[in-house]
Amino acid sequence: MILIERFRGALLTAVLGGLVFILLAAIAFRLLGEQPESNSYALLADAFLQGRFDAARCFDLDCALFEEKIFVIFPPVPALIALPFVAIFGISFHHFIALGLLCFVITGLVWWQITRQYQTDYRLVLLLVAAFLFATPLQYVVLRSDGVWFFAQAVAAMLTSLAIWSALVKRNAWLVGLFIGLAFLTRQMSILYMPFFFVLITPPDRSIFAINAESIKRLLKLAVFPAIAIGIYFAYNYARFGDPMQTGYAYIFPPEWDALGDPAAEWIEDRVQELGLFHRDYLLFNLIHFFVQGPDIEFSGKYLTEMSGFGDKGIALFIGAPFLLYFFLAKWDREYLFATLTIALIAGVTLFYHSNGFSQYSVQRYVLDWLPLMMLFVVRTIQRDNLGIFALLVVQALFLNVAMQALAFVANA
């Protein structure tokens, strides 16, 4: 019996290791083949180097045309990360996947330390870290970091993870605020983490509603850098569009740029131009892809043996990453409550958004905006006694991730 158990454990470890290796190889393959002039953050970094906010041109769909000037609409921090490399290599710098991979490695190291706060079994720690890195959309956004949207999410996942690390490992409110401020200047909805972090850094024996010198001091430490970040973003928007609240989305997809359109993404352009960035009509589409949609593969031909269609709009969260269901078994305390409310708020907003993260082949990538919170409570909840079941759920998620990326490669070849 002991021999059989050891064999099963070794087999499961080998399968997990093999799937992780394939996903790492996919990143390496894309990294070696990355082409120049594909990521608009290179253009934004070049504009900063020249003391401007407008870009010479656009490498993707989401640029704004305002007063006959082109603007990369996204927040600036990822461009600042790329800036020294663009300063050396120019706008032809084409190693954004390598930068995304660096963010990926840092995120992994951070989650190792976070997980060690709650787990002593190194096998379980390694499995939890591997699950977050490879069995969620994180590996895929790194794989696609040559695109401006994906690189931003790789950076934001790193920064929000560093904020959690600062709260739990370093116990430093200043650092938490700094990383959330930088995350906000990467993915704007990261600012909604703030109430959760206030709860997280409040000692368990203190009320989160108390108003005294101690709580005010704690709040100020946490809020200074995010407040500065918000001020910077408002000033940045005003300098570009003359309005601190205007992010530039009102000026994307102008008729003059029809030639830049990707036929596969025309539905996004139609949505933005005719319905707007947010609309109730998007709710059903987003709900189905968030909770119901499985792998979407179509077959045609007389015998239905020819693969003729392949969905690129994502699959449901708990189909693609079922191990995240452990989140619902976490202890119901005030930290869990505020994490749940934060997740619900960010996810709820995106349910009315014009895009659910197109394009992707496994779990939709927008979940990365709040997934670190969900993963934190999975880490807190899982027990060594559940290691085998948890490992099988991670294997399923990894297998689906590998299978969908392989099918996408074949379909797009």
Protein backbone atom coordinates (compact mmCIF):
# COMPACT_ATOMS: atom_id res chain seq x y z
CA MET A 1 0.00 0.00 0.00
CA ILE A 2 2.81 2.40 0.89
CA LEU A 3 4.53 1.59 -2.41
CA ILE A 4 1.33 2.30 -4.35
CA GLU A 5 0.84 5.62 -2.54
CA ARG A 6 4.41 6.64 -3.35
CA PHE A 7 3.91 5.68 -7.00
CA ARG A 8 0.69 7.72 -7.21
CA GLY A 9 2.43 10.69 -5.61
CA ALA A 10 5.38 10.43 -7.99
CA LEU A 11 3.06 10.11 -10.99
CA LEU A 12 1.04 13.16 -9.96
CA THR A 13 4.23 15.15 -9.41
CA ALA A 14 5.53 14.10 -12.84
CA VAL A 15 2.29 15.16 -14.53
CA LEU A 16 2.28 18.50 -12.73
CA GLY A 17 5.92 19.08 -13.60
CA GLY A 18 5.37 18.13 -17.24
CA LEU A 19 2.43 20.49 -17.66
CA VAL A 20 4.32 23.37 -16.04
CA PHE A 21 7.29 22.67 -18.31
CA ILE A 22 5.07 22.84 -21.41
CA LEU A 23 3.63 26.19 -20.30
CA LEU A 24 7.11 27.55 -19.61
CA ALA A 25 8.25 26.30 -23.02
CA ALA A 26 5.32 28.14 -24.62
CA ILE A 27 6.51 31.39 -23.01
CA ALA A 28 10.07 30.74 -24.20
CA PHE A 29 8.86 30.01 -27.74
CA ARG A 30 6.92 33.27 -27.89
CA LEU A 31 9.78 35.19 -26.27
CA LEU A 32 12.26 34.07 -28.91
CA GLY A 33 9.88 34.99 -31.72
CA GLU A 34 8.70 38.39 -30.44
CA GLN A 35 8.49 40.99 -33.16
CA PRO A 36 9.25 44.73 -32.89
CA GLU A 37 6.58 47.42 -33.02
CA SER A 38 3.84 45.36 -31.40
CA ASN A 39 3.53 46.97 -27.96
CA SER A 40 2.36 50.59 -27.74
CA TYR A 41 4.06 51.04 -24.38
CA ALA A 42 7.25 51.43 -26.42
CA LEU A 43 5.63 54.43 -28.12
CA LEU A 44 4.47 55.89 -24.79
CA ALA A 45 7.94 55.44 -23.28
CA ASP A 46 9.46 57.13 -26.33
CA ALA A 47 6.99 60.02 -25.94
CA PHE A 48 8.03 60.45 -22.29
CA LEU A 49 11.67 60.51 -23.32
CA GLN A 50 10.87 63.33 -25.73
CA GLY A 51 8.90 65.26 -23.11
CA ARG A 52 5.54 64.60 -24.78
CA PHE A 53 2.36 62.69 -24.03
CA ASP A 54 1.26 62.02 -27.61
CA ALA A 55 2.76 59.24 -29.71
CA ALA A 56 4.06 59.27 -33.25
CA ARG A 57 1.75 56.40 -34.24
CA CYS A 58 -0.14 53.42 -32.83
CA PHE A 59 0.78 49.72 -32.70
CA ASP A 60 -2.65 48.42 -31.62
CA LEU A 61 -6.37 49.21 -31.63
CA ASP A 62 -6.73 51.08 -28.34
CA CYS A 63 -5.19 54.43 -29.15
CA ALA A 64 -7.02 57.77 -29.00
CA LEU A 65 -7.11 60.43 -31.70
CA PHE A 66 -7.60 63.83 -30.07
CA GLU A 67 -7.00 67.20 -31.73
CA GLU A 68 -5.12 65.41 -34.53
CA LYS A 69 -2.73 63.82 -32.07
CA ILE A 70 -2.38 60.12 -31.23
CA PHE A 71 -2.39 59.04 -27.57
CA VAL A 72 -1.71 55.68 -25.98
CA ILE A 73 -4.63 55.70 -23.57
CA PHE A 74 -3.30 53.36 -20.89
CA PRO A 75 -1.91 54.41 -17.47
CA PRO A 76 1.82 55.14 -17.47
CA VAL A 77 3.64 52.77 -15.07
CA PRO A 78 4.29 49.91 -17.58
CA ALA A 79 5.74 52.49 -19.97
CA LEU A 80 8.05 53.70 -17.20
CA ILE A 81 9.25 50.12 -16.69
CA ALA A 82 10.05 49.89 -20.40
CA LEU A 83 11.51 53.40 -20.59
CA PRO A 84 15.22 52.61 -19.98
CA PHE A 85 15.12 49.88 -22.62
CA VAL A 86 13.36 52.11 -25.14
CA ALA A 87 15.96 54.78 -24.39
CA ILE A 88 18.65 52.34 -25.50
CA PHE A 89 16.92 50.42 -28.32
CA GLY A 90 14.26 52.89 -29.48
CA ILE A 91 10.64 52.08 -30.30
CA SER A 92 11.83 48.86 -31.95
CA PHE A 93 12.50 47.41 -28.48
CA HIS A 94 10.85 44.00 -28.62
CA HIS A 95 11.50 42.19 -25.37
CA PHE A 96 8.26 42.92 -23.54
CA ILE A 97 7.69 39.21 -23.03
CA ALA A 98 11.03 39.08 -21.21
CA LEU A 99 9.89 41.98 -19.01
CA GLY A 100 6.58 40.19 -18.44
CA LEU A 101 8.50 37.05 -17.50
CA LEU A 102 10.54 39.05 -14.99
CA CYS A 103 7.29 40.28 -13.41
CA PHE A 104 6.12 36.66 -13.41
CA VAL A 105 9.22 35.48 -11.54
CA ILE A 106 8.92 38.28 -8.98
CA THR A 107 5.25 37.41 -8.49
CA GLY A 108 6.19 33.78 -7.89
CA LEU A 109 8.83 34.69 -5.30
CA VAL A 110 6.39 37.01 -3.54
CA TRP A 111 3.70 34.32 -3.39
CA TRP A 112 6.22 31.83 -2.04
CA GLN A 113 6.80 34.13 0.93
CA ILE A 114 3.08 34.89 1.35
CA THR A 115 2.20 31.19 1.27
CA ARG A 116 4.93 30.33 3.78
CA GLN A 117 3.10 32.55 6.29
CA TYR A 118 0.28 29.99 6.37
CA GLN A 119 1.71 26.65 5.18
CA THR A 120 4.64 24.64 6.50
CA ASP A 121 4.56 21.75 4.02
CA TYR A 122 6.91 22.73 1.18
CA ARG A 123 5.07 20.48 -1.29
CA LEU A 124 1.82 22.31 -0.61
CA VAL A 125 3.54 25.70 -0.80
CA LEU A 126 5.06 24.80 -4.16
CA LEU A 127 1.73 23.51 -5.44
CA LEU A 128 -0.13 26.67 -4.37
CA VAL A 129 2.45 28.94 -6.01
CA ALA A 130 2.41 26.85 -9.20
CA ALA A 131 -1.39 26.98 -9.23
CA PHE A 132 -1.40 30.78 -9.08
CA LEU A 133 1.29 31.16 -11.72
CA PHE A 134 0.29 28.50 -14.24
CA ALA A 135 -3.31 27.43 -13.61
CA THR A 136 -4.77 30.94 -13.85
CA PRO A 137 -4.61 33.50 -16.71
CA LEU A 138 -1.29 34.82 -15.38
CA GLN A 139 0.88 32.54 -17.51
CA TYR A 140 -1.14 33.50 -20.59
CA VAL A 141 -0.79 37.26 -20.11
CA VAL A 142 2.97 36.78 -19.76
CA LEU A 143 2.94 34.69 -22.94
CA ARG A 144 1.20 37.59 -24.70
CA SER A 145 3.13 40.44 -23.08
CA ASP A 146 4.17 41.69 -26.48
CA GLY A 147 0.67 43.22 -26.46
CA VAL A 148 0.02 46.36 -24.44
CA TRP A 149 -3.05 44.97 -22.61
CA PHE A 150 -1.37 41.76 -21.48
CA PHE A 151 1.85 43.41 -20.34
CA ALA A 152 -0.16 45.80 -18.16
CA GLN A 153 -1.89 42.88 -16.46
CA ALA A 154 1.41 41.07 -15.80
CA VAL A 155 2.73 44.25 -14.16
CA ALA A 156 -0.48 44.84 -12.17
CA ALA A 157 -0.56 41.25 -10.87
CA MET A 158 3.00 41.71 -9.62
CA LEU A 159 2.19 45.03 -7.92
CA THR A 160 -1.00 43.87 -6.18
CA SER A 161 0.85 40.75 -5.04
CA LEU A 162 3.63 42.96 -3.65
CA ALA A 163 0.98 44.97 -1.78
CA ILE A 164 -0.36 41.79 -0.15
CA TRP A 165 3.22 40.75 0.67
CA SER A 166 3.89 44.17 2.22
CA ALA A 167 0.83 43.82 4.46
CA LEU A 168 1.35 40.21 5.56
CA VAL A 169 5.11 39.68 5.47
CA LYS A 170 6.62 43.16 5.91
CA ARG A 171 3.64 44.59 7.82
CA ASN A 172 4.43 48.00 6.35
CA ALA A 173 1.47 50.25 5.50
CA TRP A 174 3.69 52.69 3.57
CA LEU A 175 4.78 49.90 1.22
CA VAL A 176 1.23 48.65 0.80
CA GLY A 177 0.14 52.13 -0.27
CA LEU A 178 3.10 52.53 -2.61
CA PHE A 179 2.41 49.30 -4.47
CA ILE A 180 -1.34 49.95 -4.69
CA GLY A 181 -0.61 53.44 -6.01
CA LEU A 182 1.64 51.97 -8.70
CA ALA A 183 -0.94 49.27 -9.43
CA PHE A 184 -3.60 51.99 -9.89
CA LEU A 185 -1.30 53.68 -12.42
CA THR A 186 -1.26 50.35 -14.26
CA ARG A 187 -4.82 48.99 -13.90
CA GLN A 188 -7.15 51.63 -12.49
CA MET A 189 -9.51 49.39 -10.51
CA SER A 190 -6.64 48.32 -8.25
CA ILE A 191 -7.53 51.35 -6.12
CA LEU A 192 -10.60 49.43 -4.95
CA TYR A 193 -8.29 47.19 -2.89
CA MET A 194 -7.85 50.04 -0.39
CA PRO A 195 -10.68 49.20 2.09
CA PHE A 196 -9.52 45.57 2.20
CA PHE A 197 -5.96 46.62 2.97
CA PHE A 198 -7.10 48.94 5.73
CA VAL A 199 -8.86 45.98 7.32
CA LEU A 200 -5.83 43.75 6.74
CA ILE A 201 -3.38 46.09 8.49
CA THR A 202 -5.75 46.80 11.40
CA PRO A 203 -4.83 44.60 14.40
CA PRO A 204 -7.44 41.89 15.07
CA ASP A 205 -8.25 43.32 18.50
CA ARG A 206 -8.98 46.80 17.07
CA SER A 207 -12.25 47.90 15.51
CA ILE A 208 -11.99 48.94 11.88
CA PHE A 209 -14.61 51.64 12.59
CA ALA A 210 -12.76 53.23 15.52
CA ILE A 211 -11.84 56.89 15.02
CA ASN A 212 -8.78 57.71 17.08
CA ALA A 213 -5.17 58.82 16.65
CA GLU A 214 -3.98 55.27 16.02
CA SER A 215 -6.52 54.51 13.27
CA ILE A 216 -6.04 57.89 11.60
CA LYS A 217 -2.27 57.40 11.56
CA ARG A 218 -2.72 53.92 10.09
CA LEU A 219 -5.06 55.27 7.40
CA LEU A 220 -2.71 58.11 6.48
CA LYS A 221 0.24 55.75 6.08
CA LEU A 222 -1.84 53.56 3.80
CA ALA A 223 -3.45 56.36 1.78
CA VAL A 224 -0.62 58.82 1.09
CA PHE A 225 0.85 57.11 -1.98
CA PRO A 226 -2.52 56.14 -3.51
CA ALA A 227 -3.66 59.77 -3.10
CA ILE A 228 -0.52 60.95 -4.86
CA ALA A 229 -1.11 58.37 -7.61
CA ILE A 230 -4.68 59.60 -8.12
CA GLY A 231 -3.40 63.17 -8.34
CA ILE A 232 -0.79 62.13 -10.89
CA TYR A 233 -3.40 60.33 -12.98
CA PHE A 234 -5.77 63.30 -12.96
CA ALA A 235 -2.92 65.61 -13.97
CA TYR A 236 -1.86 63.13 -16.67
CA ASN A 237 -5.38 63.04 -18.10
CA TYR A 238 -5.67 66.83 -17.99
CA ALA A 239 -2.36 67.26 -19.79
CA ARG A 240 -3.51 64.91 -22.54
CA PHE A 241 -7.22 65.69 -22.97
CA GLY A 242 -7.92 68.85 -20.97
CA ASP A 243 -10.11 66.93 -18.51
CA PRO A 244 -8.82 65.11 -15.39
CA MET A 245 -11.60 62.52 -15.66
CA GLN A 246 -11.07 61.77 -19.35
CA THR A 247 -8.96 58.64 -19.83
CA GLY A 248 -9.05 58.76 -23.64
CA TYR A 249 -11.53 55.97 -24.27
CA ALA A 250 -13.99 58.51 -25.66
CA TYR A 251 -11.62 59.06 -28.58
CA ILE A 252 -10.68 55.50 -29.57
CA PHE A 253 -11.74 53.76 -32.80
CA PRO A 254 -12.18 56.96 -34.85
CA PRO A 255 -13.44 56.47 -38.43
CA GLU A 256 -10.05 57.55 -39.75
CA TRP A 257 -8.54 54.35 -38.36
CA ASP A 258 -10.75 51.76 -40.02
CA ALA A 259 -7.70 50.47 -41.85
CA LEU A 260 -6.13 49.55 -38.52
CA GLY A 261 -9.07 47.37 -37.53
CA ASP A 262 -8.67 43.68 -36.82
CA PRO A 263 -11.60 41.80 -38.44
CA ALA A 264 -11.67 39.42 -35.47
CA ALA A 265 -12.25 42.37 -33.13
CA GLU A 266 -14.76 44.38 -35.15
CA TRP A 267 -17.46 43.52 -32.62
CA ILE A 268 -15.49 45.42 -29.96
CA GLU A 269 -15.24 48.47 -32.19
CA ASP A 270 -18.98 48.31 -32.91
CA ARG A 271 -19.77 48.03 -29.21
CA VAL A 272 -17.65 51.03 -28.25
CA GLN A 273 -18.91 53.24 -31.08
CA GLU A 274 -22.60 52.34 -30.84
CA LEU A 275 -23.25 51.26 -27.22
CA GLY A 276 -20.33 52.73 -25.27
CA LEU A 277 -17.71 51.35 -22.89
CA PHE A 278 -20.32 50.20 -20.35
CA HIS A 279 -23.82 49.01 -21.20
CA ARG A 280 -26.42 46.67 -19.74
CA ASP A 281 -26.58 44.75 -23.03
CA TYR A 282 -23.11 43.32 -22.32
CA LEU A 283 -24.27 41.67 -19.08
CA LEU A 284 -25.58 38.36 -20.47
CA PHE A 285 -22.52 37.81 -22.67
CA ASN A 286 -20.17 38.48 -19.78
CA LEU A 287 -22.15 36.44 -17.25
CA ILE A 288 -22.17 33.39 -19.50
CA HIS A 289 -18.45 33.59 -20.18
CA PHE A 290 -17.75 34.15 -16.49
CA PHE A 291 -19.89 31.36 -15.01
CA VAL A 292 -21.05 28.96 -17.76
CA GLN A 293 -18.96 28.90 -20.94
CA GLY A 294 -16.66 25.92 -21.40
CA PRO A 295 -14.10 25.40 -24.19
CA ASP A 296 -15.72 26.64 -27.39
CA ILE A 297 -14.63 24.48 -30.35
CA GLU A 298 -16.69 24.07 -33.51
CA PHE A 299 -16.51 21.27 -36.08
CA SER A 300 -17.77 21.27 -39.65
CA GLY A 301 -17.69 19.13 -42.78
CA LYS A 302 -19.91 16.25 -43.81
CA TYR A 303 -18.82 14.14 -40.86
CA LEU A 304 -18.19 17.02 -38.43
CA THR A 305 -14.54 16.04 -38.27
CA GLU A 306 -12.93 19.33 -39.31
CA MET A 307 -12.16 21.92 -36.64
CA SER A 308 -13.65 25.08 -38.11
CA GLY A 309 -14.06 27.46 -35.19
CA PHE A 310 -12.29 28.19 -31.96
CA GLY A 311 -13.56 30.47 -29.21
CA ASP A 312 -11.18 33.21 -28.10
CA LYS A 313 -13.36 34.97 -25.54
CA GLY A 314 -12.50 32.87 -22.49
CA ILE A 315 -14.08 30.12 -20.43
CA ALA A 316 -15.81 30.14 -17.05
CA LEU A 317 -13.66 30.72 -13.97
CA PHE A 318 -14.55 27.55 -12.06
CA ILE A 319 -14.34 25.38 -15.17
CA GLY A 320 -10.87 26.66 -16.04
CA ALA A 321 -9.59 26.93 -12.45
CA PRO A 322 -11.76 24.72 -10.21
CA PHE A 323 -9.28 24.77 -7.32
CA LEU A 324 -10.38 28.37 -6.65
CA LEU A 325 -13.61 26.95 -5.21
CA TYR A 326 -11.64 26.51 -1.98
CA PHE A 327 -12.12 30.27 -1.56
CA PHE A 328 -15.69 29.60 -0.45
CA LEU A 329 -14.49 27.34 2.36
CA ALA A 330 -12.42 30.10 3.98
CA LYS A 331 -13.14 31.33 7.47
CA TRP A 332 -15.80 34.04 7.43
CA ASP A 333 -14.10 36.91 9.23
CA ARG A 334 -13.94 40.62 8.46
CA GLU A 335 -10.94 40.20 6.15
CA TYR A 336 -12.82 37.59 4.13
CA LEU A 337 -15.91 39.81 4.03
CA PHE A 338 -14.01 42.82 2.67
CA ALA A 339 -12.10 40.64 0.19
CA THR A 340 -15.41 39.24 -1.07
CA LEU A 341 -16.91 42.72 -1.38
CA THR A 342 -13.83 43.94 -3.27
CA ILE A 343 -13.97 41.00 -5.66
CA ALA A 344 -17.72 41.47 -6.18
CA LEU A 345 -17.29 45.19 -6.86
CA ILE A 346 -14.47 44.85 -9.40
CA ALA A 347 -16.01 41.81 -11.10
CA GLY A 348 -19.45 43.42 -11.05
CA VAL A 349 -18.20 46.50 -12.87
CA THR A 350 -16.53 44.41 -15.56
CA LEU A 351 -19.76 42.48 -16.18
CA PHE A 352 -21.08 45.64 -17.85
CA TYR A 353 -17.82 46.37 -19.71
CA HIS A 354 -17.60 46.21 -23.49
CA SER A 355 -14.89 43.54 -23.45
CA ASN A 356 -14.41 40.55 -21.17
CA GLY A 357 -10.69 40.43 -21.83
CA PHE A 358 -10.55 39.39 -25.49
CA SER A 359 -8.58 37.56 -26.63
CA GLN A 360 -7.96 34.46 -24.49
CA TYR A 361 -8.42 30.71 -24.62
CA SER A 362 -8.79 29.68 -20.99
CA VAL A 363 -10.06 31.66 -17.99
CA GLN A 364 -10.71 35.27 -19.00
CA ARG A 365 -7.80 37.49 -18.07
CA TYR A 366 -9.76 40.28 -16.38
CA VAL A 367 -10.10 38.07 -13.30
CA LEU A 368 -6.45 38.94 -12.61
CA ASP A 369 -7.66 42.34 -11.40
CA TRP A 370 -8.94 40.65 -8.23
CA LEU A 371 -7.58 37.10 -8.34
CA PRO A 372 -4.73 37.77 -5.84
CA LEU A 373 -7.40 38.36 -3.18
CA MET A 374 -9.17 35.10 -3.98
CA MET A 375 -5.87 33.21 -4.05
CA LEU A 376 -4.88 34.59 -0.64
CA PHE A 377 -7.88 32.90 0.98
CA VAL A 378 -7.29 29.68 -0.94
CA VAL A 379 -3.79 29.69 0.55
CA ARG A 380 -5.23 30.27 4.03
CA THR A 381 -7.88 27.58 3.67
CA ILE A 382 -6.24 24.55 2.07
CA GLN A 383 -5.06 21.86 4.48
CA ARG A 384 -2.37 19.23 4.10
CA ASP A 385 -5.08 16.57 4.35
CA ASN A 386 -6.62 17.97 1.13
CA LEU A 387 -3.34 17.96 -0.78
CA GLY A 388 -4.30 15.12 -3.14
CA ILE A 389 -7.69 16.55 -4.08
CA PHE A 390 -6.27 20.03 -4.49
CA ALA A 391 -3.45 18.69 -6.67
CA LEU A 392 -5.94 16.94 -8.96
CA LEU A 393 -7.93 20.15 -9.38
CA VAL A 394 -4.72 22.02 -10.23
CA VAL A 395 -3.79 19.30 -12.74
CA GLN A 396 -7.18 19.72 -14.40
CA ALA A 397 -6.66 23.48 -14.65
CA LEU A 398 -3.13 23.05 -16.02
CA PHE A 399 -4.24 20.43 -18.53
CA LEU A 400 -7.03 22.65 -19.79
CA ASN A 401 -4.63 25.60 -20.07
CA VAL A 402 -2.14 23.51 -22.06
CA ALA A 403 -4.83 21.95 -24.26
CA MET A 404 -6.48 25.26 -25.12
CA GLN A 405 -3.19 26.96 -25.95
CA ALA A 406 -2.16 24.00 -28.10
CA LEU A 407 -5.49 24.03 -29.97
CA ALA A 408 -5.24 27.79 -30.43
CA PHE A 409 -1.75 27.39 -31.89
CA VAL A 410 -3.03 24.76 -34.33
CA ALA A 411 -6.11 26.80 -35.24
CA ASN A 412 -4.11 29.96 -35.87
CA ALA A 413 -1.21 28.29 -37.66
